[in-house]
Protein backbone atom coordinates (compact mmCIF):
# COMPACT_ATOMS: atom_id res chain seq x y z
CA UNK A 1 -49.09 45.32 87.37
CA UNK A 2 -45.44 44.01 87.42
CA UNK A 3 -44.61 40.77 89.28
CA UNK A 4 -41.90 40.58 91.87
CA UNK A 5 -38.64 39.18 90.88
CA UNK A 6 -38.73 35.05 90.82
CA UNK A 7 -36.89 34.41 94.27
CA UNK A 8 -37.07 37.64 95.84
CA UNK A 9 -38.48 37.80 99.34
CA UNK A 10 -41.79 39.91 98.42
CA UNK A 11 -42.19 37.16 95.85
CA UNK A 12 -41.82 34.40 98.13
CA UNK A 13 -43.94 35.95 100.80
CA UNK A 14 -47.05 36.82 98.16
CA UNK A 15 -46.83 33.00 96.95
CA UNK A 16 -46.76 31.86 100.79
CA UNK A 17 -49.93 33.66 101.54
CA UNK A 18 -51.84 32.71 98.70
CA UNK A 19 -50.73 28.82 99.53
CA UNK A 20 -52.08 29.51 103.14
CA UNK A 21 -55.06 30.89 101.78
CA UNK A 22 -55.70 28.03 99.12
CA UNK A 23 -55.18 25.44 101.55
CA UNK A 24 -57.98 26.92 103.92
CA UNK A 25 -60.26 27.43 101.10
CA UNK A 26 -59.91 23.84 100.08
CA UNK A 27 -61.54 23.05 103.95
CA UNK A 28 -58.15 22.52 105.56
CA UNK A 29 -58.51 24.69 108.58
CA UNK A 30 -55.58 26.98 110.09
CA UNK A 31 -54.14 25.82 112.95
CA UNK A 32 -50.70 26.92 114.83
CA UNK A 33 -49.28 24.15 116.87
CA UNK A 34 -47.00 24.95 119.97
CA UNK A 35 -43.23 25.35 118.94
CA UNK A 36 -42.47 23.28 122.18
CA UNK A 37 -43.27 19.59 121.83
CA UNK A 38 -42.60 16.54 124.14
CA UNK A 39 -39.69 14.70 122.50
CA UNK A 40 -40.57 11.17 123.48
CA UNK A 41 -42.97 10.91 120.42
CA UNK A 42 -40.35 11.96 118.04
CA UNK A 43 -37.77 9.59 119.32
CA UNK A 44 -40.57 6.58 119.52
CA UNK A 45 -41.20 7.03 115.69
CA UNK A 46 -37.81 8.10 114.35
CA UNK A 47 -35.13 6.49 116.97
CA UNK A 48 -32.84 8.06 119.07
CA UNK A 49 -30.65 9.25 116.06
CA UNK A 50 -33.19 11.91 115.35
CA UNK A 51 -31.82 13.44 118.79
CA UNK A 52 -28.72 14.74 117.01
CA UNK A 53 -31.11 16.62 114.46
CA UNK A 54 -33.62 18.38 117.21
CA UNK A 55 -33.09 21.08 119.48
CA UNK A 56 -33.91 19.61 123.05
CA UNK A 57 -34.63 21.50 126.48
CA UNK A 58 -36.06 20.49 129.56
CA UNK A 59 -39.11 22.05 131.48
CA UNK A 60 -38.87 22.88 135.35
CA UNK A 61 -39.84 18.95 136.33
CA UNK A 62 -37.21 17.67 134.22
CA UNK A 63 -39.48 16.69 131.25
CA UNK A 64 -37.87 16.61 127.75
CA UNK A 65 -39.01 18.74 125.23
CA UNK A 66 -37.99 19.77 121.52
CA UNK A 67 -38.42 22.77 118.99
CA UNK A 68 -41.10 21.04 116.92
CA UNK A 69 -38.91 19.40 113.98
CA UNK A 70 -42.03 19.03 111.89
CA UNK A 71 -45.82 19.56 111.88
CA UNK A 72 -47.47 16.21 111.54
CA UNK A 73 -47.12 15.04 115.06
CA UNK A 74 -47.94 18.09 116.74
CA UNK A 75 -50.87 18.69 114.60
CA UNK A 76 -52.09 15.23 115.48
CA UNK A 77 -51.62 15.89 119.20
CA UNK A 78 -53.28 19.15 118.47
CA UNK A 79 -56.42 17.19 117.15
CA UNK A 80 -56.31 14.76 119.96
CA UNK A 81 -56.84 17.76 122.23
CA UNK A 82 -59.58 19.18 120.30
CA UNK A 83 -61.46 16.61 118.26
CA UNK A 84 -60.36 13.20 119.92
CA UNK A 85 -61.74 10.19 117.53
CA UNK A 86 -63.45 12.44 114.95
CA UNK A 87 -62.35 13.90 111.50
CA UNK A 88 -60.97 17.13 110.46
CA UNK A 89 -58.48 18.60 108.18
CA UNK A 90 -55.58 21.04 108.98
CA UNK A 91 -53.55 23.26 107.28
CA UNK A 92 -50.57 25.24 108.71
CA UNK A 93 -47.86 27.12 107.95
CA UNK A 94 -44.64 28.25 110.50
CA UNK A 95 -41.19 27.84 111.36
CA UNK A 96 -39.73 24.45 112.12
CA UNK A 97 -36.13 23.67 113.63
CA UNK A 98 -33.55 20.62 112.47
CA UNK A 99 -30.10 20.87 112.22
CA UNK A 100 -30.12 19.83 108.31
CA UNK A 101 -25.97 20.17 107.43
CA UNK A 102 -26.17 22.61 104.42
CA UNK A 103 -29.84 24.02 105.07
CA UNK A 104 -30.79 26.66 107.67
CA UNK A 105 -31.44 25.15 111.34
CA UNK A 106 -34.85 27.17 111.15
CA UNK A 107 -36.50 27.26 108.05
CA UNK A 108 -40.47 27.45 107.09
CA UNK A 109 -43.13 24.38 106.18
CA UNK A 110 -46.65 24.41 105.11
CA UNK A 111 -48.76 21.50 104.64
CA UNK A 112 -52.02 19.75 105.13
CA UNK A 113 -53.34 16.94 107.54
CA UNK A 114 -56.33 14.85 106.77
CA UNK A 115 -57.58 13.24 109.76
CA UNK A 116 -60.29 10.69 109.98
CA UNK A 117 -61.61 10.28 106.37
CA UNK A 118 -62.10 6.87 105.12
CA UNK A 119 -62.29 7.23 101.39
CA UNK A 120 -58.88 6.68 101.34
CA UNK A 121 -58.19 6.60 97.74
CA UNK A 122 -60.18 9.97 97.13
CA UNK A 123 -58.19 11.61 100.43
CA UNK A 124 -55.09 10.43 99.04
CA UNK A 125 -55.44 12.13 95.41
CA UNK A 126 -56.87 15.08 97.02
CA UNK A 127 -53.70 15.49 99.36
CA UNK A 128 -51.21 14.85 96.06
CA UNK A 129 -53.53 17.50 94.09
CA UNK A 130 -53.29 19.99 96.50
CA UNK A 131 -49.73 19.58 96.69
CA UNK A 132 -49.13 20.21 93.21
CA UNK A 133 -51.83 23.20 93.06
CA UNK A 134 -49.63 24.63 95.83
CA UNK A 135 -46.41 24.66 93.97
CA UNK A 136 -48.07 26.14 91.06
CA UNK A 137 -48.80 29.11 93.02
CA UNK A 138 -45.01 29.70 93.01
CA UNK A 139 -44.82 29.06 89.18
CA UNK A 140 -43.68 25.42 89.59
CA UNK A 141 -44.84 23.15 86.94
CA UNK A 142 -41.32 21.65 85.48
CA UNK A 143 -41.83 18.66 88.36
CA UNK A 144 -40.97 15.19 88.82
CA UNK A 145 -43.70 12.92 90.78
CA UNK A 146 -42.46 9.91 92.79
CA UNK A 147 -44.69 7.43 94.30
CA UNK A 148 -44.35 4.68 96.65
CA UNK A 149 -46.93 2.59 98.58
CA UNK A 150 -45.82 1.08 102.18
CA UNK A 151 -49.13 -0.67 102.22
CA UNK A 152 -48.29 -3.01 99.23
CA UNK A 153 -44.40 -3.32 100.59
CA UNK A 154 -45.67 -4.57 103.84
CA UNK A 155 -48.60 -6.74 102.54
CA UNK A 156 -45.67 -8.36 100.08
CA UNK A 157 -43.35 -8.92 102.78
CA UNK A 158 -46.30 -10.65 104.74
CA UNK A 159 -47.74 -12.69 101.73
CA UNK A 160 -44.16 -14.12 101.53
CA UNK A 161 -44.33 -15.01 105.23
CA UNK A 162 -41.04 -13.09 105.98
CA UNK A 163 -40.42 -13.52 109.77
CA UNK A 164 -41.29 -10.38 111.94
CA UNK A 165 -37.54 -9.42 112.32
CA UNK A 166 -36.35 -10.18 108.86
CA UNK A 167 -39.31 -8.21 108.02
CA UNK A 168 -38.35 -5.04 110.12
CA UNK A 169 -34.74 -5.23 108.87
CA UNK A 170 -36.10 -5.94 105.30
CA UNK A 171 -37.96 -2.62 105.57
CA UNK A 172 -34.96 -0.70 106.82
CA UNK A 173 -32.83 -1.96 104.34
CA UNK A 174 -35.21 -0.83 101.70
CA UNK A 175 -35.74 2.46 103.31
CA UNK A 176 -32.00 2.91 103.33
CA UNK A 177 -31.30 2.06 99.72
CA UNK A 178 -29.06 -1.07 101.46
CA UNK A 179 -28.67 -4.31 99.58
CA UNK A 180 -30.47 -7.43 100.84
CA UNK A 181 -27.66 -9.65 100.74
CA UNK A 182 -27.11 -9.58 104.36
CA UNK A 183 -31.00 -9.30 105.78
CA UNK A 184 -31.50 -12.08 108.30
CA UNK A 185 -33.58 -12.96 111.29
CA UNK A 186 -31.05 -14.62 113.34
CA UNK A 187 -28.41 -13.77 115.78
CA UNK A 188 -24.86 -13.35 114.00
CA UNK A 189 -21.74 -15.08 115.69
CA UNK A 190 -20.90 -11.54 117.03
CA UNK A 191 -23.89 -10.74 118.06
CA UNK A 192 -23.42 -9.00 121.62
CA UNK A 193 -26.84 -10.35 122.74
CA UNK A 194 -26.32 -14.09 121.79
CA UNK A 195 -25.59 -15.32 125.35
CA UNK A 196 -29.15 -13.52 126.54
CA UNK A 197 -30.85 -14.74 123.58
CA UNK A 198 -29.89 -18.49 124.24
CA UNK A 199 -30.82 -17.96 127.85
CA UNK A 200 -34.15 -16.72 127.40
CA UNK A 201 -35.18 -19.28 124.65
CA UNK A 202 -38.40 -20.82 125.82
CA UNK A 203 -38.79 -18.76 128.68
CA UNK A 204 -41.90 -17.39 129.95
CA UNK A 205 -42.71 -14.27 127.98
CA UNK A 206 -44.14 -12.37 131.04
CA UNK A 207 -40.99 -13.37 133.01
CA UNK A 208 -38.61 -11.74 130.35
CA UNK A 209 -40.45 -8.96 130.26
CA UNK A 210 -40.29 -8.56 134.03
CA UNK A 211 -36.60 -9.09 134.10
CA UNK A 212 -35.80 -6.61 131.61
CA UNK A 213 -38.06 -3.92 133.39
CA UNK A 214 -36.67 -4.65 136.78
CA UNK A 215 -32.69 -4.26 135.03
CA UNK A 216 -33.79 -0.99 133.49
CA UNK A 217 -35.44 0.23 136.37
CA UNK A 218 -32.45 -0.47 138.65
CA UNK A 219 -30.37 1.22 136.04
CA UNK A 220 -32.93 4.36 136.25
CA UNK A 221 -33.79 4.12 132.52
CA UNK A 222 -37.34 4.20 131.41
CA UNK A 223 -36.63 3.99 127.58
CA UNK A 224 -33.91 3.26 125.16
CA UNK A 225 -33.96 4.58 122.02
CA UNK A 226 -37.73 5.62 122.21
CA UNK A 227 -38.69 2.32 123.15
CA UNK A 228 -40.26 0.96 126.39
CA UNK A 229 -38.81 -1.89 128.45
CA UNK A 230 -41.61 -3.93 127.26
CA UNK A 231 -40.92 -3.09 123.79
CA UNK A 232 -37.28 -3.73 124.37
CA UNK A 233 -38.34 -7.26 125.88
CA UNK A 234 -40.40 -7.72 122.86
CA UNK A 235 -37.40 -7.63 120.43
CA UNK A 236 -35.34 -9.66 122.29
CA UNK A 237 -38.28 -12.32 122.67
CA UNK A 238 -38.36 -12.23 118.55
CA UNK A 239 -35.01 -12.64 118.27
CA UNK A 240 -34.44 -15.20 120.71
CA UNK A 241 -37.56 -17.18 118.71
CA UNK A 242 -35.86 -16.78 115.70
CA UNK A 243 -32.38 -18.08 117.08
CA UNK A 244 -34.17 -21.29 118.04
CA UNK A 245 -35.67 -21.78 114.93
CA UNK A 246 -32.60 -22.05 112.98
CA UNK A 247 -32.28 -17.88 112.14
CA UNK A 248 -35.15 -18.36 109.80
CA UNK A 249 -35.07 -15.00 107.39
CA UNK A 250 -35.11 -13.91 103.89
CA UNK A 251 -34.65 -16.69 102.21
CA UNK A 252 -33.18 -16.88 98.58
CA UNK A 253 -36.03 -17.22 96.88
CA UNK A 254 -37.78 -14.33 98.53
CA UNK A 255 -35.06 -11.95 98.36
CA UNK A 256 -35.30 -12.40 94.56
CA UNK A 257 -38.83 -11.66 94.61
CA UNK A 258 -38.39 -8.53 97.03
CA UNK A 259 -35.68 -7.40 94.44
CA UNK A 260 -38.11 -7.82 91.36
CA UNK A 261 -40.66 -5.56 93.54
CA UNK A 262 -37.94 -2.80 94.17
CA UNK A 263 -36.88 -2.72 90.47
CA UNK A 264 -40.49 -2.11 89.40
CA UNK A 265 -40.91 1.65 88.10
CA UNK A 266 -43.11 3.29 85.77
CA UNK A 267 -46.38 5.32 85.45
CA UNK A 268 -49.14 3.86 88.09
CA UNK A 269 -51.19 1.86 85.20
CA UNK A 270 -47.94 0.33 84.04
CA UNK A 271 -46.53 -0.35 87.42
CA UNK A 272 -50.18 -2.05 88.53
CA UNK A 273 -49.57 -4.71 85.64
CA UNK A 274 -46.15 -5.28 86.65
CA UNK A 275 -47.11 -5.93 90.31
CA UNK A 276 -49.90 -8.09 89.36
CA UNK A 277 -47.37 -10.30 86.98
CA UNK A 278 -45.15 -10.43 89.96
CA UNK A 279 -47.75 -11.95 92.32
CA UNK A 280 -48.77 -14.19 89.64
CA UNK A 281 -45.52 -15.60 88.78
CA UNK A 282 -44.52 -15.72 92.60
CA UNK A 283 -47.83 -17.51 93.08
CA UNK A 284 -48.79 -14.89 95.88
CA UNK A 285 -52.49 -15.60 96.92
CA UNK A 286 -52.47 -12.87 99.59
CA UNK A 287 -56.09 -11.14 100.22
CA UNK A 288 -54.27 -7.90 102.13
CA UNK A 289 -51.55 -7.76 98.89
CA UNK A 290 -54.52 -7.77 96.36
CA UNK A 291 -56.48 -5.57 98.67
CA UNK A 292 -53.56 -3.28 98.57
CA UNK A 293 -52.92 -3.40 94.89
CA UNK A 294 -56.88 -2.53 94.62
CA UNK A 295 -56.56 0.38 96.41
CA UNK A 296 -53.37 1.52 94.35
CA UNK A 297 -55.46 1.14 91.21
CA UNK A 298 -58.60 2.96 92.55
CA UNK A 299 -56.21 5.62 93.69
CA UNK A 300 -54.81 5.94 90.43
CA UNK A 301 -58.40 6.49 89.11
CA UNK A 302 -58.80 9.17 91.57
CA UNK A 303 -56.15 11.06 90.55
CA UNK A 304 -56.86 10.86 86.77
CA UNK A 305 -60.36 12.15 87.80
CA UNK A 306 -58.95 15.11 89.58
CA UNK A 307 -57.30 15.76 86.13
CA UNK A 308 -53.72 15.25 87.34
CA UNK A 309 -51.14 14.12 84.84
CA UNK A 310 -50.82 10.51 86.15
CA UNK A 311 -48.95 9.10 82.93
CA UNK A 312 -45.98 11.55 83.96
CA UNK A 313 -46.12 10.09 87.63
CA UNK A 314 -43.35 7.65 88.35
CA UNK A 315 -44.11 4.74 90.62
CA UNK A 316 -41.16 2.87 92.39
CA UNK A 317 -40.94 -0.49 94.19
CA UNK A 318 -37.99 0.73 95.81
CA UNK A 319 -39.39 3.83 97.35
CA UNK A 320 -39.59 3.05 100.92
CA UNK A 321 -39.89 5.36 104.15
CA UNK A 322 -39.81 5.27 107.76
CA UNK A 323 -41.57 2.08 108.71
CA UNK A 324 -42.68 3.54 112.14
CA UNK A 325 -44.37 6.25 110.45
CA UNK A 326 -45.82 5.69 106.98
CA UNK A 327 -48.73 2.94 106.47
CA UNK A 328 -49.59 3.24 102.81
CA UNK A 329 -49.24 5.76 99.91
CA UNK A 330 -46.31 7.95 99.96
CA UNK A 331 -45.08 10.80 97.55
CA UNK A 332 -42.36 13.12 96.79
CA UNK A 333 -42.37 16.21 94.37
CA UNK A 334 -38.91 17.56 93.19
CA UNK A 335 -37.84 20.14 90.57
CA UNK A 336 -37.61 17.96 87.14
CA UNK A 337 -33.65 18.11 87.33
CA UNK A 338 -31.65 14.82 88.43
CA UNK A 339 -30.39 15.17 92.24
CA UNK A 340 -32.98 18.18 93.13
CA UNK A 341 -34.25 18.28 96.64
CA UNK A 342 -37.51 17.68 97.70
CA UNK A 343 -40.20 20.56 97.49
CA UNK A 344 -43.39 18.36 98.92
CA UNK A 345 -43.38 14.79 100.51
CA UNK A 346 -46.33 13.29 102.32
CA UNK A 347 -47.97 10.38 102.66
CA UNK A 348 -50.36 8.41 104.63
CA UNK A 349 -49.92 7.40 108.22
CA UNK A 350 -52.93 5.29 109.44
CA UNK A 351 -51.20 4.17 112.71
CA UNK A 352 -50.03 7.70 114.17
CA UNK A 353 -52.98 8.64 116.09
CA UNK A 354 -53.29 5.20 117.80
CA UNK A 355 -49.78 5.73 118.80
CA UNK A 356 -50.49 8.89 120.23
CA UNK A 357 -53.20 7.68 122.52
CA UNK A 358 -56.17 7.88 120.43
CA UNK A 359 -59.01 5.76 121.75
CA UNK A 360 -60.21 4.59 118.05
CA UNK A 361 -57.98 4.04 115.23
CA UNK A 362 -58.04 7.11 112.67
CA UNK A 363 -56.64 6.95 109.05
CA UNK A 364 -54.77 10.09 107.99
CA UNK A 365 -52.95 11.46 105.24
CA UNK A 366 -50.83 14.70 104.88
CA UNK A 367 -48.38 16.40 103.06
CA UNK A 368 -45.51 19.09 103.95
CA UNK A 369 -44.02 22.03 101.40
CA UNK A 370 -40.34 22.76 102.23
CA UNK A 371 -40.91 26.65 101.42
CA UNK A 372 -37.33 27.81 101.50
CA UNK A 373 -36.71 25.16 98.46
CA UNK A 374 -39.77 25.94 97.01
CA UNK A 375 -38.79 29.87 96.49
CA UNK A 376 -35.01 28.89 95.91
CA UNK A 377 -35.83 26.84 93.22
CA UNK A 378 -37.26 29.78 91.50
CA UNK A 379 -40.39 30.27 89.01
CA UNK A 380 -42.32 32.99 88.44
CA UNK A 381 -45.03 33.25 91.51
CA UNK A 382 -48.89 33.56 89.91
């Protein structure tokens, strides 16, 4: 029997069907979350700037809704309605809607979400293993796998005692690929809120929160940039505290350590050795960092046990993603050429279910296939 021509619609559709079947047979039950989703969770986790890239509408009551821009939040919301507080594994395949520049505004995504498993390193290894197996169904084996670890990055900053506001700005700079040169926890002279920050220094936090909530209420505003009035007040209090303490932030020594962390690249085993050397040289005796590094090494072991070519994977300390979303292991897979688009991306997001209202913390990890990119990348489906 002749195979369909690589990249043809029938070739792509056939491989998509086999991918969906493969994920379901791996124990990930197929679900189809509603296309219309409340816009608020997406704004809360990605900021108001995502509004420019999603399709927003309103229901009869004026509640803002959007066409789902991705599947992870919708699947987690579906899980809460079906199996709140329990463990379950899900797979999906369907359209998502997002303004994406030179790509279609509507495109297909497939993927998996594993919710509630406590065997973290094994679950992480399973997800990346299924990602690579799924790509192989499209004939994709000439791949580059990039690894990162938000848990390690955050534990490093905590171990260096980077103040909260400076920590957040550092993570945002890392995620955006910006220099750490200007990261500070202080109000700058041209800070438009400098006067307010000076006024609330030393004030009762409850009073400050009530003041911010009253001002927004008078203006008829319930949220700004996806943040509640209470969250906005907390940010003002943190900045005021930093200003009161001389603007303590990312000092020169800490910046040098973080930049050394950024520069660590290589296969997971080599990276682990470099990370331990960094901790030793920096005098970093921080149990959470040690725990995150041990988890990193254990995950590598589970990947190797699955037969994955870990020696070809590349960890990068500078690989950071949205800090409001991912909490641990992250990865992306591209075609093995420079500048190639991401075919599959994913990672661990242990705080998302709690953010969505889960009564108990639930660890979670997953990945998404950009099927239009996978098919366009070519290759002969198996």
